[in-house]
PDB file of N, CA and C in Angstrom:
ATOM      1  N   MET A   1     118.279 262.907  94.687  1.00  0.00           N
ATOM      2  CA  MET A   1     117.662 262.008  96.230  1.00  0.00           C
ATOM      3  C   MET A   1     116.606 262.207  95.769  1.00  0.00           C
ATOM      4  N   PHE A   2     115.746 262.878  96.037  1.00  0.00           N
ATOM      5  CA  PHE A   2     114.294 262.937  96.191  1.00  0.00           C
ATOM      6  C   PHE A   2     113.726 262.918  94.392  1.00  0.00           C
ATOM      7  N   VAL A   3     114.288 263.400  93.712  1.00  0.00           N
ATOM      8  CA  VAL A   3     113.870 263.381  92.230  1.00  0.00           C
ATOM      9  C   VAL A   3     114.208 262.154  91.425  1.00  0.00           C
ATOM     10  N   SER A   4     113.104 261.844  90.875  1.00  0.00           N
ATOM     11  CA  SER A   4     113.489 260.352  89.835  1.00  0.00           C
ATOM     12  C   SER A   4     113.627 261.285  88.459  1.00  0.00           C
ATOM     13  N   PRO A   5     114.247 260.316  87.954  1.00  0.00           N
ATOM     14  CA  PRO A   5     114.856 260.555  86.439  1.00  0.00           C
ATOM     15  C   PRO A   5     113.380 260.534  85.573  1.00  0.00           C
ATOM     16  N   ALA A   6     113.498 261.167  84.506  1.00  0.00           N
ATOM     17  CA  ALA A   6     112.220 261.762  83.551  1.00  0.00           C
ATOM     18  C   ALA A   6     112.997 260.711  82.122  1.00  0.00           C
ATOM     19  N   TYR A   7     112.029 260.162  82.020  1.00  0.00           N
ATOM     20  CA  TYR A   7     112.250 259.362  80.063  1.00  0.00           C
ATOM     21  C   TYR A   7     111.625 260.150  79.204  1.00  0.00           C
ATOM     22  N   ALA A   8     111.677 260.265  78.057  1.00  0.00           N
ATOM     23  CA  ALA A   8     111.110 260.976  76.951  1.00  0.00           C
ATOM     24  C   ALA A   8     110.149 259.623  76.889  1.00  0.00           C
ATOM     25  N   GLN A   9     108.961 259.826  76.125  1.00  0.00           N
ATOM     26  CA  GLN A   9     108.085 258.734  75.647  1.00  0.00           C
ATOM     27  C   GLN A   9     108.149 258.768  74.166  1.00  0.00           C
ATOM     28  N   ALA A  10     108.227 257.536  73.461  1.00  0.00           N
ATOM     29  CA  ALA A  10     108.032 257.374  71.928  1.00  0.00           C
ATOM     30  C   ALA A  10     106.818 258.022  71.564  1.00  0.00           C
ATOM     31  N   ALA A  11     106.976 258.713  70.338  1.00  0.00           N
ATOM     32  CA  ALA A  11     105.533 259.424  69.687  1.00  0.00           C
ATOM     33  C   ALA A  11     104.975 258.363  69.283  1.00  0.00           C
ATOM     34  N   ALA A  12     103.497 258.473  69.315  1.00  0.00           N
ATOM     35  CA  ALA A  12     102.717 257.294  69.089  1.00  0.00           C
ATOM     36  C   ALA A  12     102.694 257.374  67.122  1.00  0.00           C
ATOM     37  N   GLY A  13     102.427 255.859  66.965  1.00  0.00           N
ATOM     38  CA  GLY A  13     102.636 255.808  65.467  1.00  0.00           C
ATOM     39  C   GLY A  13     101.385 256.721  64.554  1.00  0.00           C
ATOM     40  N   GLY A  14     101.346 256.591  63.281  1.00  0.00           N
ATOM     41  CA  GLY A  14     100.727 257.199  62.359  1.00  0.00           C
ATOM     42  C   GLY A  14     100.243 258.982  62.492  1.00  0.00           C
ATOM     43  N   GLY A  15     101.302 259.583  62.690  1.00  0.00           N
ATOM     44  CA  GLY A  15     101.683 261.013  62.697  1.00  0.00           C
ATOM     45  C   GLY A  15     100.366 261.569  61.740  1.00  0.00           C
ATOM     46  N   SER A  16     100.410 261.410  60.561  1.00  0.00           N
ATOM     47  CA  SER A  16      99.936 262.307  59.437  1.00  0.00           C
ATOM     48  C   SER A  16      98.657 262.153  59.817  1.00  0.00           C
ATOM     49  N   PHE A  17      97.938 261.384  60.114  1.00  0.00           N
ATOM     50  CA  PHE A  17      96.584 261.085  60.578  1.00  0.00           C
ATOM     51  C   PHE A  17      96.087 261.912  61.908  1.00  0.00           C
ATOM     52  N   GLY A  18      97.263 262.018  62.775  1.00  0.00           N
ATOM     53  CA  GLY A  18      96.901 262.753  64.001  1.00  0.00           C
ATOM     54  C   GLY A  18      96.803 264.467  63.531  1.00  0.00           C
ATOM     55  N   ALA A  19      97.462 264.742  62.523  1.00  0.00           N
ATOM     56  CA  ALA A  19      97.521 265.837  62.224  1.00  0.00           C
ATOM     57  C   ALA A  19      96.088 266.337  61.635  1.00  0.00           C
ATOM     58  N   LEU A  20      95.714 265.225  60.820  1.00  0.00           N
ATOM     59  CA  LEU A  20      94.445 265.695  60.038  1.00  0.00           C
ATOM     60  C   LEU A  20      93.252 265.653  61.595  1.00  0.00           C
ATOM     61  N   GLU A  21      93.442 264.823  62.463  1.00  0.00           N
ATOM     62  CA  GLU A  21      92.516 264.564  63.296  1.00  0.00           C
ATOM     63  C   GLU A  21      92.410 266.196  64.223  1.00  0.00           C
ATOM     64  N   GLN A  22      93.546 266.759  63.999  1.00  0.00           N
ATOM     65  CA  GLN A  22      93.512 268.066  64.848  1.00  0.00           C
ATOM     66  C   GLN A  22      93.256 269.093  64.007  1.00  0.00           C
ATOM     67  N   PHE A  23      93.188 269.357  62.658  1.00  0.00           N
ATOM     68  CA  PHE A  23      92.344 270.346  61.768  1.00  0.00           C
ATOM     69  C   PHE A  23      91.385 269.805  61.235  1.00  0.00           C
ATOM     70  N   LEU A  24      91.137 268.907  61.482  1.00  0.00           N
ATOM     71  CA  LEU A  24      89.369 268.571  61.201  1.00  0.00           C
ATOM     72  C   LEU A  24      88.366 269.662  61.837  1.00  0.00           C
ATOM     73  N   PRO A  25      88.582 269.811  63.069  1.00  0.00           N
ATOM     74  CA  PRO A  25      87.235 270.455  63.615  1.00  0.00           C
ATOM     75  C   PRO A  25      87.414 272.138  63.053  1.00  0.00           C
ATOM     76  N   LEU A  26      88.758 272.845  62.772  1.00  0.00           N
ATOM     77  CA  LEU A  26      88.684 274.019  62.034  1.00  0.00           C
ATOM     78  C   LEU A  26      88.406 273.985  60.646  1.00  0.00           C
ATOM     79  N   ILE A  27      88.444 273.097  60.018  1.00  0.00           N
ATOM     80  CA  ILE A  27      88.006 272.363  58.432  1.00  0.00           C
ATOM     81  C   ILE A  27      86.394 272.845  58.519  1.00  0.00           C
ATOM     82  N   LEU A  28      85.909 272.062  59.617  1.00  0.00           N
ATOM     83  CA  LEU A  28      84.366 271.751  59.507  1.00  0.00           C
ATOM     84  C   LEU A  28      83.763 273.363  60.139  1.00  0.00           C
ATOM     85  N   ILE A  29      84.605 273.781  60.724  1.00  0.00           N
ATOM     86  CA  ILE A  29      83.834 274.876  61.140  1.00  0.00           C
ATOM     87  C   ILE A  29      84.051 276.104  60.131  1.00  0.00           C
ATOM     88  N   PHE A  30      85.124 276.082  59.506  1.00  0.00           N
ATOM     89  CA  PHE A  30      85.555 277.184  58.165  1.00  0.00           C
ATOM     90  C   PHE A  30      83.999 276.881  57.240  1.00  0.00           C
ATOM     91  N   VAL A  31      83.609 274.979  56.871  1.00  0.00           N
ATOM     92  CA  VAL A  31      82.721 275.160  55.891  1.00  0.00           C
ATOM     93  C   VAL A  31      81.422 275.349  56.448  1.00  0.00           C
ATOM     94  N   VAL A  32      80.835 275.195  57.635  1.00  0.00           N
ATOM     95  CA  VAL A  32      79.773 275.767  58.141  1.00  0.00           C
ATOM     96  C   VAL A  32      79.968 277.300  58.084  1.00  0.00           C
ATOM     97  N   PHE A  33      80.699 277.928  58.237  1.00  0.00           N
ATOM     98  CA  PHE A  33      80.572 279.623  58.102  1.00  0.00           C
ATOM     99  C   PHE A  33      80.553 279.706  57.095  1.00  0.00           C
ATOM    100  N   TYR A  34      81.131 279.436  55.633  1.00  0.00           N
ATOM    101  CA  TYR A  34      80.745 279.738  54.762  1.00  0.00           C
ATOM    102  C   TYR A  34      79.154 279.543  54.134  1.00  0.00           C
ATOM    103  N   PHE A  35      79.012 278.393  54.387  1.00  0.00           N
ATOM    104  CA  PHE A  35      77.674 278.166  53.921  1.00  0.00           C
ATOM    105  C   PHE A  35      76.365 278.837  54.916  1.00  0.00           C
ATOM    106  N   LEU A  36      76.924 279.289  56.192  1.00  0.00           N
ATOM    107  CA  LEU A  36      75.706 280.071  56.704  1.00  0.00           C
ATOM    108  C   LEU A  36      76.127 281.412  56.537  1.00  0.00           C
ATOM    109  N   LEU A  37      77.204 281.688  56.304  1.00  0.00           N
ATOM    110  CA  LEU A  37      77.277 283.394  56.857  1.00  0.00           C
ATOM    111  C   LEU A  37      77.939 283.894  55.270  1.00  0.00           C
ATOM    112  N   ILE A  38      79.021 283.029  54.844  1.00  0.00           N
ATOM    113  CA  ILE A  38      79.719 284.152  53.496  1.00  0.00           C
ATOM    114  C   ILE A  38      79.001 283.942  52.414  1.00  0.00           C
ATOM    115  N   ARG A  39      78.386 282.914  52.039  1.00  0.00           N
ATOM    116  CA  ARG A  39      77.920 282.355  50.654  1.00  0.00           C
ATOM    117  C   ARG A  39      76.552 283.104  50.355  1.00  0.00           C
ATOM    118  N   PRO A  40      75.733 283.324  51.572  1.00  0.00           N
ATOM    119  CA  PRO A  40      74.524 283.978  51.603  1.00  0.00           C
ATOM    120  C   PRO A  40      74.854 285.414  51.155  1.00  0.00           C
ATOM    121  N   GLN A  41      75.844 286.060  52.155  1.00  0.00           N
ATOM    122  CA  GLN A  41      76.111 287.942  51.862  1.00  0.00           C
ATOM    123  C   GLN A  41      76.548 287.850  50.414  1.00  0.00           C
ATOM    124  N   GLN A  42      77.344 286.852  49.977  1.00  0.00           N
ATOM    125  CA  GLN A  42      77.645 287.297  48.449  1.00  0.00           C
ATOM    126  C   GLN A  42      76.582 287.469  47.350  1.00  0.00           C
ATOM    127  N   LYS A  43      75.540 286.247  47.509  1.00  0.00           N
ATOM    128  CA  LYS A  43      74.429 286.266  46.624  1.00  0.00           C
ATOM    129  C   LYS A  43      73.424 287.838  47.042  1.00  0.00           C
ATOM    130  N   LYS A  44      73.634 287.841  48.452  1.00  0.00           N
ATOM    131  CA  LYS A  44      72.874 289.213  48.399  1.00  0.00           C
ATOM    132  C   LYS A  44      73.423 290.518  47.777  1.00  0.00           C
ATOM    133  N   MET A  45      74.612 290.388  48.084  1.00  0.00           N
ATOM    134  CA  MET A  45      75.557 291.486  47.288  1.00  0.00           C
ATOM    135  C   MET A  45      75.531 291.589  45.678  1.00  0.00           C
ATOM    136  N   LYS A  46      75.274 290.435  45.361  1.00  0.00           N
ATOM    137  CA  LYS A  46      75.356 290.372  43.927  1.00  0.00           C
ATOM    138  C   LYS A  46      73.974 290.614  43.316  1.00  0.00           C
ATOM    139  N   GLN A  47      72.552 290.208  44.304  1.00  0.00           N
ATOM    140  CA  GLN A  47      71.334 290.723  43.791  1.00  0.00           C
ATOM    141  C   GLN A  47      71.321 292.610  44.062  1.00  0.00           C
ATOM    142  N   HIS A  48      71.930 292.914  45.026  1.00  0.00           N
ATOM    143  CA  HIS A  48      71.644 294.403  45.085  1.00  0.00           C
ATOM    144  C   HIS A  48      72.509 294.897  43.685  1.00  0.00           C
ATOM    145  N   LYS A  49      73.446 294.367  43.297  1.00  0.00           N
ATOM    146  CA  LYS A  49      74.594 295.072  42.524  1.00  0.00           C
ATOM    147  C   LYS A  49      73.510 295.074  41.409  1.00  0.00           C
ATOM    148  N   GLU A  50      73.067 294.352  40.989  1.00  0.00           N
ATOM    149  CA  GLU A  50      72.277 293.843  39.827  1.00  0.00           C
ATOM    150  C   GLU A  50      71.204 295.041  39.788  1.00  0.00           C
ATOM    151  N   MET A  51      70.371 295.348  40.985  1.00  0.00           N
ATOM    152  CA  MET A  51      69.363 295.976  41.289  1.00  0.00           C
ATOM    153  C   MET A  51      69.644 297.323  41.117  1.00  0.00           C
ATOM    154  N   LEU A  52      70.759 297.873  41.434  1.00  0.00           N
ATOM    155  CA  LEU A  52      71.525 299.223  41.179  1.00  0.00           C
ATOM    156  C   LEU A  52      71.759 299.211  39.787  1.00  0.00           C
ATOM    157  N   GLY A  53      72.047 298.293  39.314  1.00  0.00           N
ATOM    158  CA  GLY A  53      72.514 298.392  37.540  1.00  0.00           C
ATOM    159  C   GLY A  53      70.862 298.714  36.674  1.00  0.00           C
ATOM    160  N   GLN A  54      69.683 298.012  37.095  1.00  0.00           N
ATOM    161  CA  GLN A  54      68.681 298.371  36.523  1.00  0.00           C
ATOM    162  C   GLN A  54      67.994 299.565  37.007  1.00  0.00           C
ATOM    163  N   LEU A  55      68.276 300.262  37.636  1.00  0.00           N
ATOM    164  CA  LEU A  55      67.491 301.399  37.940  1.00  0.00           C
ATOM    165  C   LEU A  55      67.708 302.675  37.050  1.00  0.00           C
ATOM    166  N   ARG A  56      66.088 302.898  36.918  1.00  0.00           N
ATOM    167  CA  ARG A  56      65.785 303.942  35.784  1.00  0.00           C
ATOM    168  C   ARG A  56      65.045 304.931  36.444  1.00  0.00           C
ATOM    169  N   ARG A  57      64.704 305.895  35.036  1.00  0.00           N
ATOM    170  CA  ARG A  57      64.031 307.504  35.734  1.00  0.00           C
ATOM    171  C   ARG A  57      62.459 306.593  35.954  1.00  0.00           C
ATOM    172  N   GLY A  58      62.375 307.580  37.041  1.00  0.00           N
ATOM    173  CA  GLY A  58      60.712 307.184  37.649  1.00  0.00           C
ATOM    174  C   GLY A  58      60.592 305.892  38.500  1.00  0.00           C
ATOM    175  N   ASP A  59      61.355 305.101  38.615  1.00  0.00           N
ATOM    176  CA  ASP A  59      61.438 304.130  40.016  1.00  0.00           C
ATOM    177  C   ASP A  59      61.234 304.867  41.187  1.00  0.00           C
ATOM    178  N   ARG A  60      60.349 304.117  41.971  1.00  0.00           N
ATOM    179  CA  ARG A  60      60.275 304.531  43.295  1.00  0.00           C
ATOM    180  C   ARG A  60      60.959 303.716  44.302  1.00  0.00           C
ATOM    181  N   VAL A  61      61.991 304.340  44.704  1.00  0.00           N
ATOM    182  CA  VAL A  61      63.308 303.744  45.737  1.00  0.00           C
ATOM    183  C   VAL A  61      63.047 304.228  47.389  1.00  0.00           C
ATOM    184  N   VAL A  62      63.832 303.416  47.989  1.00  0.00           N
ATOM    185  CA  VAL A  62      64.223 303.708  49.527  1.00  0.00           C
ATOM    186  C   VAL A  62      65.701 303.997  49.700  1.00  0.00           C
ATOM    187  N   THR A  63      66.028 304.850  50.311  1.00  0.00           N
ATOM    188  CA  THR A  63      67.364 305.074  50.632  1.00  0.00           C
ATOM    189  C   THR A  63      67.742 304.327  51.817  1.00  0.00           C
ATOM    190  N   ALA A  64      69.048 304.234  51.976  1.00  0.00           N
ATOM    191  CA  ALA A  64      69.220 303.706  53.600  1.00  0.00           C
ATOM    192  C   ALA A  64      69.097 304.444  54.714  1.00  0.00           C
ATOM    193  N   GLY A  65      68.765 305.679  54.260  1.00  0.00           N
ATOM    194  CA  GLY A  65      68.218 306.655  55.631  1.00  0.00           C
ATOM    195  C   GLY A  65      66.589 306.581  55.426  1.00  0.00           C
ATOM    196  N   GLY A  66      66.315 305.653  54.726  1.00  0.00           N
ATOM    197  CA  GLY A  66      64.638 305.788  55.219  1.00  0.00           C
ATOM    198  C   GLY A  66      63.842 306.529  54.301  1.00  0.00           C
ATOM    199  N   ILE A  67      64.378 307.314  53.350  1.00  0.00           N
ATOM    200  CA  ILE A  67      63.923 308.390  52.597  1.00  0.00           C
ATOM    201  C   ILE A  67      63.228 307.634  51.440  1.00  0.00           C
ATOM    202  N   ILE A  68      62.132 307.847  51.201  1.00  0.00           N
ATOM    203  CA  ILE A  68      60.977 307.134  50.017  1.00  0.00           C
ATOM    204  C   ILE A  68      60.860 308.282  49.019  1.00  0.00           C
ATOM    205  N   GLY A  69      61.764 308.189  47.656  1.00  0.00           N
ATOM    206  CA  GLY A  69      61.587 309.325  46.632  1.00  0.00           C
ATOM    207  C   GLY A  69      61.402 308.516  45.183  1.00  0.00           C
ATOM    208  N   THR A  70      61.262 309.338  43.940  1.00  0.00           N
ATOM    209  CA  THR A  70      61.315 308.857  42.786  1.00  0.00           C
ATOM    210  C   THR A  70      62.468 309.166  42.007  1.00  0.00           C
ATOM    211  N   ILE A  71      62.967 308.322  41.500  1.00  0.00           N
ATOM    212  CA  ILE A  71      64.496 308.370  40.603  1.00  0.00           C
ATOM    213  C   ILE A  71      63.781 309.901  39.648  1.00  0.00           C
ATOM    214  N   ASN A  72      64.433 310.847  39.547  1.00  0.00           N
ATOM    215  CA  ASN A  72      64.520 312.098  38.805  1.00  0.00           C
ATOM    216  C   ASN A  72      65.331 311.862  37.673  1.00  0.00           C
ATOM    217  N   LYS A  73      66.926 311.427  37.704  1.00  0.00           N
ATOM    218  CA  LYS A  73      67.531 311.633  36.735  1.00  0.00           C
ATOM    219  C   LYS A  73      68.746 310.708  37.534  1.00  0.00           C
ATOM    220  N   LEU A  74      69.295 310.034  36.497  1.00  0.00           N
ATOM    221  CA  LEU A  74      70.565 309.148  36.674  1.00  0.00           C
ATOM    222  C   LEU A  74      71.972 310.015  36.399  1.00  0.00           C
ATOM    223  N   LEU A  75      72.329 310.475  37.037  1.00  0.00           N
ATOM    224  CA  LEU A  75      73.407 311.643  36.903  1.00  0.00           C
ATOM    225  C   LEU A  75      74.801 310.637  36.500  1.00  0.00           C
ATOM    226  N   ASN A  76      75.555 310.298  37.201  1.00  0.00           N
ATOM    227  CA  ASN A  76      76.694 309.092  36.473  1.00  0.00           C
ATOM    228  C   ASN A  76      76.444 307.890  37.481  1.00  0.00           C
ATOM    229  N   ASP A  77      77.682 306.980  37.136  1.00  0.00           N
ATOM    230  CA  ASP A  77      77.963 305.498  37.515  1.00  0.00           C
ATOM    231  C   ASP A  77      77.682 305.726  39.140  1.00  0.00           C
ATOM    232  N   THR A  78      77.689 307.035  39.840  1.00  0.00           N
ATOM    233  CA  THR A  78      77.486 306.772  41.464  1.00  0.00           C
ATOM    234  C   THR A  78      76.616 307.582  42.051  1.00  0.00           C
ATOM    235  N   GLU A  79      76.026 308.540  41.428  1.00  0.00           N
ATOM    236  CA  GLU A  79      75.081 309.349  41.650  1.00  0.00           C
ATOM    237  C   GLU A  79      73.629 309.393  41.069  1.00  0.00           C
ATOM    238  N   VAL A  80      72.556 309.437  41.596  1.00  0.00           N
ATOM    239  CA  VAL A  80      71.151 309.714  41.107  1.00  0.00           C
ATOM    240  C   VAL A  80      70.339 310.866  41.903  1.00  0.00           C
ATOM    241  N   SER A  81      69.805 311.471  41.096  1.00  0.00           N
ATOM    242  CA  SER A  81      68.748 312.296  41.698  1.00  0.00           C
ATOM    243  C   SER A  81      67.579 311.969  41.988  1.00  0.00           C
ATOM    244  N   VAL A  82      67.367 312.275  43.418  1.00  0.00           N
ATOM    245  CA  VAL A  82      65.898 311.220  43.917  1.00  0.00           C
ATOM    246  C   VAL A  82      64.869 312.605  44.022  1.00  0.00           C
ATOM    247  N   GLU A  83      63.632 312.844  43.525  1.00  0.00           N
ATOM    248  CA  GLU A  83      62.577 313.646  44.087  1.00  0.00           C
ATOM    249  C   GLU A  83      62.063 313.007  45.338  1.00  0.00           C
ATOM    250  N   ILE A  84      62.165 313.591  46.460  1.00  0.00           N
ATOM    251  CA  ILE A  84      61.494 313.334  47.487  1.00  0.00           C
ATOM    252  C   ILE A  84      60.328 314.007  48.111  1.00  0.00           C
ATOM    253  N   ALA A  85      60.351 315.157  47.769  1.00  0.00           N
ATOM    254  CA  ALA A  85      58.705 315.675  47.557  1.00  0.00           C
ATOM    255  C   ALA A  85      58.648 316.334  46.559  1.00  0.00           C
ATOM    256  N   GLU A  86      57.488 316.941  46.121  1.00  0.00           N
ATOM    257  CA  GLU A  86      57.367 317.977  44.593  1.00  0.00           C
ATOM    258  C   GLU A  86      58.225 319.106  44.798  1.00  0.00           C
ATOM    259  N   GLY A  87      59.068 318.967  43.833  1.00  0.00           N
ATOM    260  CA  GLY A  87      60.101 320.321  43.455  1.00  0.00           C
ATOM    261  C   GLY A  87      61.281 320.034  44.477  1.00  0.00           C
ATOM    262  N   VAL A  88      61.295 319.122  45.217  1.00  0.00           N
ATOM    263  CA  VAL A  88      62.727 318.914  46.314  1.00  0.00           C
ATOM    264  C   VAL A  88      63.315 317.725  45.618  1.00  0.00           C
ATOM    265  N   ARG A  89      64.817 318.001  45.194  1.00  0.00           N
ATOM    266  CA  ARG A  89      65.338 316.767  44.588  1.00  0.00           C
ATOM    267  C   ARG A  89      66.782 316.589  45.589  1.00  0.00           C
ATOM    268  N   VAL A  90      67.143 315.695  45.668  1.00  0.00           N
ATOM    269  CA  VAL A  90      68.303 315.514  46.254  1.00  0.00           C
ATOM    270  C   VAL A  90      69.257 314.239  45.380  1.00  0.00           C
ATOM    271  N   ARG A  91      70.758 314.902  45.523  1.00  0.00           N
ATOM    272  CA  ARG A  91      71.660 313.824  44.863  1.00  0.00           C
ATOM    273  C   ARG A  91      71.865 312.531  46.008  1.00  0.00           C
ATOM    274  N   VAL A  92      71.759 311.621  45.506  1.00  0.00           N
ATOM    275  CA  VAL A  92      71.868 310.085  46.512  1.00  0.00           C
ATOM    276  C   VAL A  92      73.077 309.290  45.853  1.00  0.00           C
ATOM    277  N   LEU A  93      73.891 308.951  46.693  1.00  0.00           N
ATOM    278  CA  LEU A  93      74.884 307.852  45.997  1.00  0.00           C
ATOM    279  C   LEU A  93      73.959 306.527  45.509  1.00  0.00           C
ATOM    280  N   ARG A  94      74.253 305.915  44.216  1.00  0.00           N
ATOM    281  CA  ARG A  94      73.555 304.643  44.070  1.00  0.00           C
ATOM    282  C   ARG A  94      73.670 303.733  45.187  1.00  0.00           C
ATOM    283  N   THR A  95      74.761 303.519  45.812  1.00  0.00           N
ATOM    284  CA  THR A  95      74.711 302.431  46.648  1.00  0.00           C
ATOM    285  C   THR A  95      74.144 302.379  47.938  1.00  0.00           C
ATOM    286  N   THR A  96      73.581 303.804  48.152  1.00  0.00           N
ATOM    287  CA  THR A  96      72.338 303.900  49.500  1.00  0.00           C
ATOM    288  C   THR A  96      71.348 303.512  49.242  1.00  0.00           C
ATOM    289  N   ILE A  97      71.096 303.188  48.082  1.00  0.00           N
ATOM    290  CA  ILE A  97      69.489 303.122  47.599  1.00  0.00           C
ATOM    291  C   ILE A  97      69.562 301.340  48.143  1.00  0.00           C
ATOM    292  N   THR A  98      68.401 300.875  49.058  1.00  0.00           N
ATOM    293  CA  THR A  98      68.585 299.395  49.617  1.00  0.00           C
ATOM    294  C   THR A  98      67.228 298.888  48.490  1.00  0.00           C
ATOM    295  N   GLU A  99      66.365 299.601  48.032  1.00  0.00           N
ATOM    296  CA  GLU A  99      64.996 299.020  47.684  1.00  0.00           C
ATOM    297  C   GLU A  99      64.221 299.643  46.604  1.00  0.00           C
ATOM    298  N   VAL A 100      63.820 298.853  45.443  1.00  0.00           N
ATOM    299  CA  VAL A 100      63.268 299.444  44.780  1.00  0.00           C
ATOM    300  C   VAL A 100      61.687 299.053  44.808  1.00  0.00           C
ATOM    301  N   MET A 101      60.930 300.243  45.169  1.00  0.00           N
ATOM    302  CA  MET A 101      59.055 299.540  45.790  1.00  0.00           C
ATOM    303  C   MET A 101      58.487 299.577  44.313  1.00  0.00           C
ATOM    304  N   SER A 102      59.254 300.443  43.335  1.00  0.00           N
ATOM    305  CA  SER A 102      58.410 299.943  42.155  1.00  0.00           C
ATOM    306  C   SER A 102      59.182 300.543  40.968  1.00  0.00           C
ATOM    307  N   LYS A 103      58.769 299.636  39.972  1.00  0.00           N
ATOM    308  CA  LYS A 103      59.847 299.879  38.776  1.00  0.00           C
ATOM    309  C   LYS A 103      58.953 300.367  37.511  1.00  0.00           C
ATOM    310  N   THR A 104      59.658 301.229  36.744  1.00  0.00           N
ATOM    311  CA  THR A 104      58.696 301.646  35.581  1.00  0.00           C
ATOM    312  C   THR A 104      59.348 300.919  34.367  1.00  0.00           C
ATOM    313  N   GLU A 105      58.378 300.727  33.353  1.00  0.00           N
ATOM    314  CA  GLU A 105      58.562 299.784  32.004  1.00  0.00           C
ATOM    315  C   GLU A 105      59.735 300.595  31.074  1.00  0.00           C
ATOM    316  N   PRO A 106      60.798 300.338  30.537  1.00  0.00           N
ATOM    317  CA  PRO A 106      61.294 300.818  29.989  1.00  0.00           C
ATOM    318  C   PRO A 106      60.537 301.210  28.276  1.00  0.00           C
ATOM    319  N   VAL A 107      59.483 302.239  28.469  1.00  0.00           N
ATOM    320  CA  VAL A 107      59.308 302.664  27.290  1.00  0.00           C
ATOM    321  C   VAL A 107      59.616 303.107  25.941  1.00  0.00           C
ATOM    322  N   ALA A 108      60.604 303.865  26.416  1.00  0.00           N
ATOM    323  CA  ALA A 108      61.448 304.836  25.506  1.00  0.00           C
ATOM    324  C   ALA A 108      62.839 303.653  24.725  1.00  0.00           C
ATOM    325  N   GLY A 109      63.182 302.647  25.583  1.00  0.00           N
ATOM    326  CA  GLY A 109      63.727 301.512  24.895  1.00  0.00           C
ATOM    327  C   GLY A 109      63.207 300.769  23.741  1.00  0.00           C
ATOM    328  N   ALA A 110      61.984 300.595  24.099  1.00  0.00           N
ATOM    329  CA  ALA A 110      60.999 299.744  23.076  1.00  0.00           C
ATOM    330  C   ALA A 110      60.898 300.427  21.791  1.00  0.00           C
ATOM    331  N   LYS A 111      60.636 301.526  21.988  1.00  0.00           N
ATOM    332  CA  LYS A 111      60.286 302.524  20.572  1.00  0.00           C
ATOM    333  C   LYS A 111      61.901 302.612  19.937  1.00  0.00           C
ATOM    334  N   ASP A 112      62.947 302.529  20.600  1.00  0.00           N
ATOM    335  CA  ASP A 112      63.705 303.121  19.830  1.00  0.00           C
ATOM    336  C   ASP A 112      64.569 301.448  18.794  1.00  0.00           C
ATOM    337  N   ASP A 113      64.293 300.436  19.781  1.00  0.00           N
ATOM    338  CA  ASP A 113      64.484 299.161  19.165  1.00  0.00           C
ATOM    339  C   ASP A 113      63.577 299.023  18.078  1.00  0.00           C
ATOM    340  N   LYS A 114      62.066 299.330  18.050  1.00  0.00           N
ATOM    341  CA  LYS A 114      61.553 299.277  16.819  1.00  0.00           C
ATOM    342  C   LYS A 114      61.786 300.307  15.508  1.00  0.00           C
ATOM    343  N   ALA A 115      62.064 301.337  15.649  1.00  0.00           N
ATOM    344  CA  ALA A 115      62.467 302.334  15.149  1.00  0.00           C
ATOM    345  C   ALA A 115      63.889 301.738  14.415  1.00  0.00           C
ATOM    346  N   LYS A 116      64.719 301.351  15.029  1.00  0.00           N
ATOM    347  CA  LYS A 116      66.040 300.739  14.192  1.00  0.00           C
ATOM    348  C   LYS A 116      65.851 299.435  13.574  1.00  0.00           C
ATOM    349  N   ASP A 117      64.995 298.765  13.849  1.00  0.00           N
ATOM    350  CA  ASP A 117      64.627 297.522  12.896  1.00  0.00           C
ATOM    351  C   ASP A 117      63.970 297.624  11.782  1.00  0.00           C
ATOM    352  N   ASP A 118      63.036 299.155  11.812  1.00  0.00           N
ATOM    353  CA  ASP A 118      62.468 299.393  10.744  1.00  0.00           C
ATOM    354  C   ASP A 118      62.873 300.442   9.880  1.00  0.00           C
ATOM    355  N   LYS A 119      63.842 300.945  10.168  1.00  0.00           N
ATOM    356  CA  LYS A 119      64.768 301.845   9.041  1.00  0.00           C
ATOM    357  C   LYS A 119      65.450 300.607   8.045  1.00  0.00           C
ATOM    358  N   PRO A 120      66.008 299.605   8.282  1.00  0.00           N
ATOM    359  CA  PRO A 120      66.777 299.076   7.787  1.00  0.00           C
ATOM    360  C   PRO A 120      65.953 298.420   6.161  1.00  0.00           C
ATOM    361  N   GLU A 121      64.403 297.948   6.895  1.00  0.00           N
ATOM    362  CA  GLU A 121      63.223 297.433   5.926  1.00  0.00           C
ATOM    363  C   GLU A 121      63.120 298.763   4.965  1.00  0.00           C
ATOM    364  N   ALA A 122      62.498 299.888   5.488  1.00  0.00           N
ATOM    365  CA  ALA A 122      62.118 301.085   4.882  1.00  0.00           C
ATOM    366  C   ALA A 122      63.221 301.234   3.624  1.00  0.00           C
ATOM    367  N   GLU A 123      64.517 301.406   3.880  1.00  0.00           N
ATOM    368  CA  GLU A 123      65.885 301.572   3.205  1.00  0.00           C
ATOM    369  C   GLU A 123      65.760 300.388   2.138  1.00  0.00           C
ATOM    370  N   ALA A 124      65.883 299.347   2.548  1.00  0.00           N
ATOM    371  CA  ALA A 124      65.602 298.152   1.733  1.00  0.00           C
ATOM    372  C   ALA A 124      64.581 298.172   0.443  1.00  0.00           C
ATOM    373  N   ASP A 125      63.461 298.850   0.929  1.00  0.00           N
ATOM    374  CA  ASP A 125      62.137 298.859  -0.057  1.00  0.00           C
ATOM    375  C   ASP A 125      62.569 300.184  -0.704  1.00  0.00           C
ATOM    376  N   LYS A 126      63.231 301.028  -0.587  1.00  0.00           N
ATOM    377  CA  LYS A 126      63.679 302.285  -1.277  1.00  0.00           C
ATOM    378  C   LYS A 126      64.419 301.664  -2.450  1.00  0.00           C
ATOM    379  N   ALA A 127      65.360 300.945  -2.008  1.00  0.00           N
ATOM    380  CA  ALA A 127      66.574 300.342  -2.997  1.00  0.00           C
ATOM    381  C   ALA A 127      65.881 299.461  -3.797  1.00  0.00           C
ATOM    382  N   ASP A 128      64.680 298.595  -3.901  1.00  0.00           N
ATOM    383  CA  ASP A 128      64.158 297.960  -4.537  1.00  0.00           C
ATOM    384  C   ASP A 128      63.357 298.730  -5.493  1.00  0.00           C
ATOM    385  N   LYS A 129      62.974 299.630  -5.199  1.00  0.00           N
ATOM    386  CA  LYS A 129      62.314 300.584  -6.523  1.00  0.00           C
ATOM    387  C   LYS A 129      63.195 301.502  -7.006  1.00  0.00           C
TER     388      LYS A 129
END
């Protein structure tokens, strides 16, 4: 009586383009998040991992807790002994080292390489005589 009949309307043409229009804002948001948040964070993590891999004895480092010390000994892949005061050494996880303030030069490695190079030449000279 007082209610009029309702009829379904036909769907608009171009259904596949309409779906793309609906997801386009979500895709753009993901692209912006990737370039502004995800990618820089991945680069920072990669640089931190490289820094931790290049730690040497004698490097002056800062831990995540703000403690400044000198690397005394590399214990294993995950731990480092850091001297924070004269005669005071603490074991620290490598991942808690946030910054290397000053690096030491790899003096021992250079001598070993030179010694390895000299040995074959010396042996070759002995063989010629």
